[in-house]
Amino acid sequence: MKNIILLLAFMFQITISYAQQRDEVGHAVTTWSNWSTTACHKGIAWRFRQSFYSGNSGGFTWEYEVKNNYGRQVAFSFQFSESDASSGNTPMRKTLAANQVYRNTALPNASKINYFVFSVCFSADGRCKDECYSPCDNGTPNIPDCANSSSSLSGSRTSTASNTVQNTQTYTSPQQTKAQKQAQALNVISGSLMDLAKSFDKAKAEKREKQQREVEAKTQTSYIEQAAVEANNGTDDGYRKAANLLLSHVSELNGDELNTLGFYFWKQKDYTNSFKYFKMAASKGSDIGIYDLAYAYENGHGTTVDKNIAFYYYSKVSANYSDIASVYHQLGHLCEEGYNSDSNKSDFQAAYNYFIKGANLGEVSCMFHLGDYYNNGGKLATDLQKAKYWYQKACDLKNEKACDKLNNLK
């Protein structure tokens, strides 16, 4: 990259030393030609200059200026052509105030250019009555008397006296010197090098942006990780610090993160705030948020106890095919108390159905309940072999009560 920059600097020095002139925006151009007029309308003066090179047109481009020397407003049409006949660009019409100069750079690449002037008039609004245009002049306004005109003329270049002569002028660019040709070649090369340098700069900028996004992403997750570190202390002060860290970014938290914030308040026994953030988490579709909101209703944490609502929210978690297996223990427990229907009567079969789902997902409390169901004929038909099976599964997962009951059955 260093070598490229040095080469660019060298090329710029050579280009500047050979270029005759630069325009207002830094383009290398030839000097302006002398002001000239057509043979007919001598108050409209033109001059041209030519750019050394244009990548867009693949060669030279023309720039021109036209000046109104009449001393009053004039309107006229004009056209450019590379050939001797006026078969070039679409004619343009321009209105200039006294001594006003108009510049344009829209001419194409060519070795020479012809320009044509026609339909000249000096009316205040730039229009000529009955299309009666001004005839040739000597540099002062030649305003025709059209009051007695009996015909409406078309305004073409051959319809008025002003156009009965070849009202054109030709400008040919000066021959390039050897130095100018070198400068042109160097302009092309330096332009390519500039494009290469820009591509390097763009790649660098994109790399910096990517690095910045990565830093921002790390910053965004760091406060969550830091909060978890504080909470792992297991103290009220740790949970308080963890909650404060998340509160400072609360607008950025997703549903699960809002639920974590509620959990930090819950651990401090600040049930009002824990309920608030559990509810916000649930509204964002967080399964664990819905589960903890149900638990709050079941136990009256931050709200009035309502086990019917608790059952409703637990059911939403299970309907989402959530991997929160403990929800089936909660649902089974509420069915035992009759909160799965308006009758409020114990429904052990429904409870059993939830316990079997939870047990199959590895929930140890559901396994223990199934052992009790088969061990106690009051809930389901007694089946000690099945009772031993489920107690054994729960015991294997370190459930001491299941181990004790399994020993009593041997």
Protein backbone atom coordinates (compact mmCIF):
# COMPACT_ATOMS: atom_id res chain seq x y z
CA MET A 1 0.00 0.00 0.00
CA LYS A 2 2.91 2.35 0.82
CA ASN A 3 4.39 1.78 -2.65
CA ILE A 4 1.03 2.59 -4.26
CA ILE A 5 0.76 5.86 -2.33
CA LEU A 6 4.32 6.85 -3.38
CA LEU A 7 3.52 6.03 -6.99
CA LEU A 8 0.32 8.07 -6.81
CA ALA A 9 2.25 11.05 -5.45
CA PHE A 10 4.78 10.75 -8.30
CA MET A 11 2.04 10.53 -10.92
CA PHE A 12 0.25 13.60 -9.55
CA GLN A 13 3.45 15.64 -9.73
CA ILE A 14 3.96 14.70 -13.40
CA THR A 15 0.31 15.39 -14.27
CA ILE A 16 0.36 18.82 -12.71
CA SER A 17 3.60 19.75 -14.41
CA TYR A 18 2.23 18.93 -17.89
CA ALA A 19 -1.40 20.09 -17.59
CA GLN A 20 -2.00 23.53 -19.05
CA GLN A 21 -5.01 24.44 -16.92
CA ARG A 22 -7.61 23.07 -14.52
CA ASP A 23 -11.22 24.10 -14.24
CA GLU A 24 -13.09 25.10 -11.05
CA VAL A 25 -13.55 21.49 -9.91
CA GLY A 26 -10.03 20.34 -10.74
CA HIS A 27 -10.50 18.81 -14.21
CA ALA A 28 -7.62 19.25 -16.65
CA VAL A 29 -8.80 21.36 -19.65
CA THR A 30 -7.44 23.33 -22.58
CA THR A 31 -7.55 27.11 -22.44
CA TRP A 32 -10.68 28.88 -23.63
CA SER A 33 -10.88 29.82 -27.32
CA ASN A 34 -11.43 33.46 -28.28
CA TRP A 35 -14.98 34.75 -28.28
CA SER A 36 -16.55 34.41 -31.74
CA THR A 37 -19.92 34.93 -33.38
CA THR A 38 -21.79 33.61 -36.39
CA ALA A 39 -21.88 35.66 -39.57
CA CYS A 40 -25.47 36.72 -38.88
CA HIS A 41 -26.10 37.51 -35.20
CA LYS A 42 -23.01 39.26 -33.91
CA GLY A 43 -24.40 40.03 -30.44
CA ILE A 44 -24.34 36.36 -29.42
CA ALA A 45 -20.75 35.33 -28.70
CA TRP A 46 -19.40 31.81 -28.14
CA ARG A 47 -16.24 30.25 -26.90
CA PHE A 48 -15.15 26.66 -26.25
CA ARG A 49 -12.60 24.62 -24.44
CA GLN A 50 -11.91 20.92 -24.35
CA SER A 51 -11.21 18.53 -21.45
CA PHE A 52 -8.18 16.33 -21.82
CA TYR A 53 -9.99 13.10 -21.01
CA SER A 54 -13.30 11.80 -19.72
CA GLY A 55 -13.73 8.21 -18.56
CA ASN A 56 -17.51 8.44 -19.07
CA SER A 57 -17.34 9.37 -22.76
CA GLY A 58 -14.12 7.48 -23.48
CA GLY A 59 -12.35 10.60 -24.86
CA PHE A 60 -12.46 14.38 -24.99
CA THR A 61 -15.53 16.35 -23.95
CA TRP A 62 -16.42 19.93 -24.82
CA GLU A 63 -17.37 22.80 -22.56
CA TYR A 64 -18.86 26.00 -23.94
CA GLU A 65 -19.95 29.48 -22.85
CA VAL A 66 -22.36 31.78 -24.66
CA LYS A 67 -22.62 35.51 -23.85
CA ASN A 68 -25.31 38.07 -24.68
CA ASN A 69 -23.56 41.27 -25.85
CA TYR A 70 -26.71 42.98 -27.14
CA GLY A 71 -27.37 45.12 -24.04
CA ARG A 72 -30.92 43.82 -23.68
CA GLN A 73 -32.65 40.44 -23.22
CA VAL A 74 -32.41 38.09 -26.15
CA ALA A 75 -33.95 34.66 -26.84
CA PHE A 76 -32.50 32.27 -29.39
CA SER A 77 -32.25 28.66 -30.43
CA PHE A 78 -28.97 26.84 -31.00
CA GLN A 79 -27.67 23.43 -31.98
CA PHE A 80 -24.32 21.61 -32.13
CA SER A 81 -23.03 19.12 -34.67
CA GLU A 82 -19.82 17.29 -35.50
CA SER A 83 -20.63 17.48 -39.22
CA ASP A 84 -20.87 20.49 -41.50
CA ALA A 85 -24.67 20.22 -41.53
CA SER A 86 -26.78 20.83 -38.47
CA SER A 87 -27.62 17.19 -37.81
CA GLY A 88 -26.32 16.90 -34.26
CA ASN A 89 -27.98 17.35 -30.89
CA THR A 90 -31.60 18.40 -30.44
CA PRO A 91 -31.91 22.20 -30.68
CA MET A 92 -32.05 24.10 -27.40
CA ARG A 93 -33.66 27.45 -26.65
CA LYS A 94 -32.12 29.93 -24.23
CA THR A 95 -33.06 33.36 -22.91
CA LEU A 96 -30.21 35.54 -21.59
CA ALA A 97 -30.30 38.92 -19.88
CA ALA A 98 -27.97 41.66 -21.04
CA ASN A 99 -24.32 40.62 -20.63
CA GLN A 100 -25.31 37.32 -19.08
CA VAL A 101 -22.99 34.33 -19.65
CA TYR A 102 -24.29 30.74 -19.79
CA ARG A 103 -21.97 27.72 -19.43
CA ASN A 104 -22.59 24.05 -20.13
CA THR A 105 -20.42 20.93 -20.32
CA ALA A 106 -22.85 18.56 -22.04
CA LEU A 107 -21.13 18.33 -25.44
CA PRO A 108 -19.85 14.96 -26.66
CA ASN A 109 -16.38 13.73 -27.53
CA ALA A 110 -15.35 15.11 -30.95
CA SER A 111 -12.32 16.55 -32.78
CA LYS A 112 -14.31 19.60 -33.87
CA ILE A 113 -17.73 21.12 -33.24
CA ASN A 114 -20.10 23.26 -35.36
CA TYR A 115 -22.64 25.52 -33.71
CA PHE A 116 -25.79 27.01 -35.26
CA VAL A 117 -27.82 30.01 -34.09
CA PHE A 118 -31.40 30.69 -35.27
CA SER A 119 -34.85 32.02 -34.28
CA VAL A 120 -33.46 35.10 -32.52
CA CYS A 121 -35.90 37.58 -30.96
CA PHE A 122 -35.88 40.43 -28.46
CA SER A 123 -39.41 40.31 -27.02
CA ALA A 124 -39.78 40.67 -23.27
CA ASP A 125 -41.13 37.13 -22.83
CA GLY A 126 -38.69 35.45 -25.25
CA ARG A 127 -41.44 34.81 -27.82
CA CYS A 128 -41.84 36.47 -31.22
CA LYS A 129 -45.29 37.53 -32.46
CA ASP A 130 -46.39 35.40 -35.40
CA GLU A 131 -42.96 33.77 -35.17
CA CYS A 132 -41.43 36.83 -36.82
CA TYR A 133 -37.81 36.48 -35.75
CA SER A 134 -35.05 39.07 -35.88
CA PRO A 135 -33.01 39.20 -39.12
CA CYS A 136 -29.23 39.43 -39.23
CA ASP A 137 -27.62 42.35 -37.45
CA ASN A 138 -24.30 44.07 -36.87
CA GLY A 139 -24.23 43.51 -33.10
CA THR A 140 -27.17 45.73 -32.10
CA PRO A 141 -30.75 44.47 -31.69
CA ASN A 142 -32.49 44.25 -35.04
CA ILE A 143 -36.16 44.20 -34.10
CA PRO A 144 -38.44 43.55 -37.10
CA ASP A 145 -41.79 45.24 -37.66
CA CYS A 146 -44.18 42.34 -37.77
CA ALA A 147 -47.39 44.34 -37.53
CA ASN A 148 -48.18 43.92 -41.24
CA SER A 149 -47.02 40.33 -41.46
CA SER A 150 -49.56 38.28 -43.38
CA SER A 151 -48.08 34.86 -42.83
CA SER A 152 -47.34 32.79 -39.77
CA LEU A 153 -43.87 31.34 -40.14
CA SER A 154 -42.73 28.06 -38.72
CA GLY A 155 -39.66 29.30 -36.90
CA SER A 156 -37.34 26.81 -38.61
CA ARG A 157 -33.86 27.80 -39.63
CA THR A 158 -34.93 28.51 -43.24
CA SER A 159 -38.23 30.35 -42.59
CA THR A 160 -36.94 33.86 -41.78
CA ALA A 161 -34.45 36.31 -43.16
CA SER A 162 -32.19 35.57 -40.22
CA ASN A 163 -31.59 32.10 -41.59
CA THR A 164 -31.21 32.70 -45.31
CA VAL A 165 -27.45 32.50 -44.79
CA GLN A 166 -25.42 29.65 -43.29
CA ASN A 167 -25.58 30.96 -39.75
CA THR A 168 -22.88 28.66 -38.34
CA GLN A 169 -19.42 28.74 -36.86
CA THR A 170 -16.92 25.89 -36.48
CA TYR A 171 -14.48 25.41 -33.63
CA THR A 172 -11.66 22.87 -33.84
CA SER A 173 -9.57 21.92 -30.84
CA PRO A 174 -5.87 22.82 -30.99
CA GLN A 175 -3.46 20.01 -31.78
CA GLN A 176 -2.15 18.34 -28.68
CA THR A 177 1.48 18.78 -27.85
CA LYS A 178 3.61 15.84 -26.82
CA ALA A 179 3.41 17.07 -23.23
CA GLN A 180 -0.41 17.17 -23.39
CA LYS A 181 -0.55 13.63 -24.78
CA GLN A 182 1.69 12.47 -21.93
CA ALA A 183 -0.50 14.30 -19.47
CA GLN A 184 -3.59 12.61 -20.93
CA ALA A 185 -2.02 9.17 -20.57
CA LEU A 186 -0.90 9.96 -17.04
CA ASN A 187 -4.39 11.17 -16.18
CA VAL A 188 -5.79 7.82 -17.23
CA ILE A 189 -3.18 5.87 -15.25
CA SER A 190 -3.47 8.05 -12.18
CA GLY A 191 -7.26 7.68 -12.37
CA SER A 192 -6.88 3.90 -12.30
CA LEU A 193 -4.53 4.16 -9.35
CA MET A 194 -6.95 6.44 -7.59
CA ASP A 195 -9.71 3.85 -8.12
CA LEU A 196 -7.39 1.21 -6.65
CA ALA A 197 -6.59 3.40 -3.67
CA LYS A 198 -10.31 4.07 -3.16
CA SER A 199 -11.02 0.34 -3.19
CA PHE A 200 -8.39 -0.14 -0.48
CA ASP A 201 -9.89 2.70 1.53
CA LYS A 202 -13.38 1.21 1.13
CA ALA A 203 -12.13 -2.21 2.31
CA LYS A 204 -10.49 -0.58 5.31
CA ALA A 205 -13.63 1.35 6.16
CA GLU A 206 -15.76 -1.81 5.93
CA LYS A 207 -13.30 -3.65 8.18
CA ARG A 208 -13.43 -0.83 10.74
CA GLU A 209 -17.24 -0.85 10.65
CA LYS A 210 -17.29 -4.62 11.17
CA GLN A 211 -14.88 -4.34 14.10
CA GLN A 212 -17.00 -1.56 15.59
CA ARG A 213 -20.15 -3.69 15.29
CA GLU A 214 -18.36 -6.57 17.00
CA VAL A 215 -17.24 -4.27 19.83
CA GLU A 216 -20.79 -2.95 20.19
CA ALA A 217 -22.16 -6.50 20.23
CA LYS A 218 -19.71 -7.47 22.96
CA THR A 219 -20.62 -4.35 24.90
CA GLN A 220 -24.30 -5.21 24.58
CA THR A 221 -23.85 -8.72 26.00
CA SER A 222 -21.27 -7.80 28.61
CA TYR A 223 -23.77 -6.21 30.99
CA ILE A 224 -25.92 -9.37 30.84
CA GLU A 225 -22.90 -11.52 31.61
CA GLN A 226 -21.79 -9.14 34.35
CA ALA A 227 -25.26 -9.25 35.89
CA ALA A 228 -25.12 -13.05 35.88
CA VAL A 229 -21.76 -12.90 37.69
CA GLU A 230 -23.23 -10.62 40.36
CA ALA A 231 -26.31 -12.87 40.74
CA ASN A 232 -24.13 -15.96 41.13
CA ASN A 233 -22.96 -14.56 44.45
CA GLY A 234 -26.35 -15.65 45.76
CA THR A 235 -26.71 -12.62 48.03
CA ASP A 236 -29.33 -9.89 48.15
CA ASP A 237 -26.63 -7.36 47.29
CA GLY A 238 -25.58 -9.44 44.29
CA TYR A 239 -29.15 -9.73 43.01
CA ARG A 240 -29.65 -6.01 43.55
CA LYS A 241 -26.53 -5.15 41.53
CA ALA A 242 -27.58 -7.61 38.83
CA ALA A 243 -31.05 -6.04 38.60
CA ASN A 244 -29.58 -2.53 38.40
CA LEU A 245 -27.31 -3.56 35.53
CA LEU A 246 -30.26 -4.87 33.52
CA LEU A 247 -32.45 -1.89 34.43
CA SER A 248 -29.90 0.46 32.85
CA HIS A 249 -30.53 -1.33 29.52
CA VAL A 250 -34.16 -2.33 30.02
CA SER A 251 -35.29 -0.98 26.63
CA GLU A 252 -32.84 -3.36 24.91
CA LEU A 253 -33.92 -6.55 26.72
CA ASN A 254 -35.78 -9.34 24.97
CA GLY A 255 -38.49 -11.46 26.63
CA ASP A 256 -36.18 -13.98 28.30
CA GLU A 257 -33.87 -11.20 29.55
CA LEU A 258 -36.84 -9.30 31.01
CA ASN A 259 -37.82 -12.50 32.82
CA THR A 260 -34.28 -12.75 34.21
CA LEU A 261 -34.66 -9.20 35.54
CA GLY A 262 -37.93 -10.25 37.20
CA PHE A 263 -36.14 -13.27 38.70
CA TYR A 264 -33.47 -11.02 40.25
CA PHE A 265 -36.23 -9.01 41.95
CA TRP A 266 -38.01 -12.22 42.98
CA LYS A 267 -34.83 -13.45 44.71
CA GLN A 268 -34.84 -10.21 46.72
CA LYS A 269 -38.51 -10.89 47.60
CA ASP A 270 -39.44 -7.71 45.71
CA TYR A 271 -42.54 -9.38 44.30
CA THR A 272 -44.11 -6.18 42.96
CA ASN A 273 -41.23 -5.65 40.52
CA SER A 274 -40.77 -9.35 39.82
CA PHE A 275 -44.46 -9.61 38.78
CA LYS A 276 -44.07 -6.49 36.60
CA TYR A 277 -41.17 -7.91 34.60
CA PHE A 278 -42.60 -11.45 34.44
CA LYS A 279 -45.67 -9.90 32.84
CA MET A 280 -43.55 -7.89 30.37
CA ALA A 281 -41.58 -11.03 29.48
CA ALA A 282 -44.79 -13.00 28.92
CA SER A 283 -46.15 -10.25 26.65
CA LYS A 284 -43.07 -10.73 24.47
CA GLY A 285 -43.76 -14.45 24.13
CA SER A 286 -41.10 -15.75 26.52
CA ASP A 287 -42.09 -19.28 27.67
CA ILE A 288 -40.15 -18.93 30.90
CA GLY A 289 -41.81 -15.52 31.39
CA ILE A 290 -45.27 -17.07 30.99
CA TYR A 291 -44.28 -19.88 33.38
CA ASP A 292 -43.08 -17.48 36.08
CA LEU A 293 -46.16 -15.30 35.62
CA ALA A 294 -48.32 -18.40 36.22
CA TYR A 295 -46.23 -19.23 39.30
CA ALA A 296 -46.80 -15.67 40.60
CA TYR A 297 -50.59 -16.08 40.24
CA GLU A 298 -50.44 -19.52 41.84
CA ASN A 299 -48.58 -18.26 44.89
CA GLY A 300 -49.74 -14.64 45.12
CA HIS A 301 -46.30 -13.11 44.43
CA GLY A 302 -46.96 -9.48 43.52
CA THR A 303 -50.61 -10.15 42.76
CA THR A 304 -53.73 -11.78 44.19
CA VAL A 305 -53.70 -15.60 44.24
CA ASP A 306 -55.70 -16.91 41.29
CA LYS A 307 -55.01 -20.56 40.50
CA ASN A 308 -57.42 -20.61 37.59
CA ILE A 309 -55.32 -17.92 35.88
CA ALA A 310 -52.20 -19.84 36.89
CA PHE A 311 -53.57 -22.98 35.21
CA TYR A 312 -54.35 -20.92 32.08
CA TYR A 313 -50.78 -19.60 31.79
CA TYR A 314 -49.19 -22.99 32.57
CA SER A 315 -51.36 -24.45 29.80
CA LYS A 316 -50.04 -21.82 27.36
CA VAL A 317 -46.49 -22.95 28.11
CA SER A 318 -47.37 -26.61 27.48
CA ALA A 319 -49.24 -25.69 24.30
CA ASN A 320 -46.03 -24.10 22.97
CA TYR A 321 -44.30 -27.51 23.23
CA SER A 322 -41.90 -25.88 25.64
CA ASP A 323 -38.94 -27.77 27.07
CA ILE A 324 -39.90 -26.53 30.56
CA ALA A 325 -40.80 -30.00 31.84
CA SER A 326 -41.69 -28.78 35.33
CA VAL A 327 -44.82 -27.12 33.88
CA TYR A 328 -46.43 -30.60 33.76
CA HIS A 329 -45.88 -31.03 37.50
CA GLN A 330 -47.58 -27.66 38.11
CA LEU A 331 -50.49 -28.54 35.81
CA GLY A 332 -50.91 -31.97 37.40
CA HIS A 333 -50.87 -30.45 40.88
CA LEU A 334 -53.56 -27.88 39.92
CA CYS A 335 -55.70 -30.67 38.39
CA GLU A 336 -55.51 -32.50 41.71
CA GLU A 337 -56.98 -29.36 43.30
CA GLY A 338 -59.65 -29.04 40.61
CA TYR A 339 -58.45 -25.82 38.95
CA ASN A 340 -58.59 -27.27 35.45
CA SER A 341 -62.37 -26.81 35.27
CA ASP A 342 -65.17 -24.72 36.70
CA SER A 343 -66.28 -27.60 38.90
CA ASN A 344 -63.21 -27.26 41.12
CA LYS A 345 -63.32 -31.01 41.69
CA SER A 346 -60.14 -33.07 41.85
CA ASP A 347 -59.33 -34.60 38.49
CA PHE A 348 -56.70 -37.29 39.10
CA GLN A 349 -56.91 -38.73 35.60
CA ALA A 350 -56.08 -35.33 34.09
CA ALA A 351 -53.30 -34.93 36.68
CA TYR A 352 -51.93 -38.38 35.75
CA ASN A 353 -51.89 -37.39 32.06
CA TYR A 354 -49.79 -34.32 32.84
CA PHE A 355 -47.45 -36.28 35.16
CA ILE A 356 -46.79 -38.91 32.51
CA LYS A 357 -45.87 -36.18 29.99
CA GLY A 358 -43.48 -34.57 32.45
CA ALA A 359 -41.94 -37.90 33.48
CA ASN A 360 -41.25 -38.78 29.86
CA LEU A 361 -39.42 -35.45 29.55
CA GLY A 362 -37.26 -36.32 32.57
CA GLU A 363 -39.10 -34.29 35.24
CA VAL A 364 -38.26 -36.11 38.52
CA SER A 365 -41.19 -34.68 40.53
CA CYS A 366 -43.61 -36.14 37.95
CA MET A 367 -41.91 -39.54 38.29
CA PHE A 368 -42.35 -39.42 42.07
CA HIS A 369 -46.06 -38.54 41.71
CA LEU A 370 -46.60 -41.45 39.33
CA GLY A 371 -45.03 -43.79 41.90
CA ASP A 372 -47.47 -42.44 44.49
CA TYR A 373 -50.42 -42.87 42.13
CA TYR A 374 -49.64 -46.56 41.56
CA ASN A 375 -48.78 -47.08 45.24
CA ASN A 376 -51.99 -45.51 46.50
CA GLY A 377 -55.19 -47.05 45.27
CA GLY A 378 -57.15 -43.95 46.23
CA LYS A 379 -56.05 -42.09 43.05
CA LEU A 380 -55.56 -44.84 40.46
CA ALA A 381 -55.69 -48.62 40.54
CA THR A 382 -52.83 -49.96 42.65
CA ASP A 383 -49.92 -51.45 40.69
CA LEU A 384 -46.86 -51.95 42.88
CA GLN A 385 -44.62 -52.99 39.99
CA LYS A 386 -45.34 -49.71 38.23
CA ALA A 387 -44.95 -47.87 41.51
CA LYS A 388 -41.47 -49.43 41.99
CA TYR A 389 -40.59 -48.55 38.37
CA TRP A 390 -41.33 -44.85 38.82
CA TYR A 391 -39.86 -44.62 42.31
CA GLN A 392 -36.69 -46.23 40.97
CA LYS A 393 -36.46 -43.69 38.11
CA ALA A 394 -36.91 -40.81 40.54
CA CYS A 395 -34.44 -42.34 43.03
CA ASP A 396 -31.84 -42.64 40.27
CA LEU A 397 -32.21 -38.87 39.82
CA LYS A 398 -31.43 -38.29 43.54
CA ASN A 399 -34.99 -37.87 44.80
CA GLU A 400 -34.57 -39.03 48.45
CA LYS A 401 -38.30 -39.41 49.12
CA ALA A 402 -38.59 -41.76 46.13
CA CYS A 403 -35.62 -43.78 47.44
CA ASP A 404 -37.25 -44.12 50.88
CA LYS A 405 -40.58 -45.30 49.41
CA LEU A 406 -38.82 -47.70 47.10
CA ASN A 407 -37.03 -49.29 50.07
CA ASN A 408 -40.34 -49.65 51.91
CA LEU A 409 -41.80 -51.60 48.97
CA LYS A 410 -38.93 -54.15 48.81
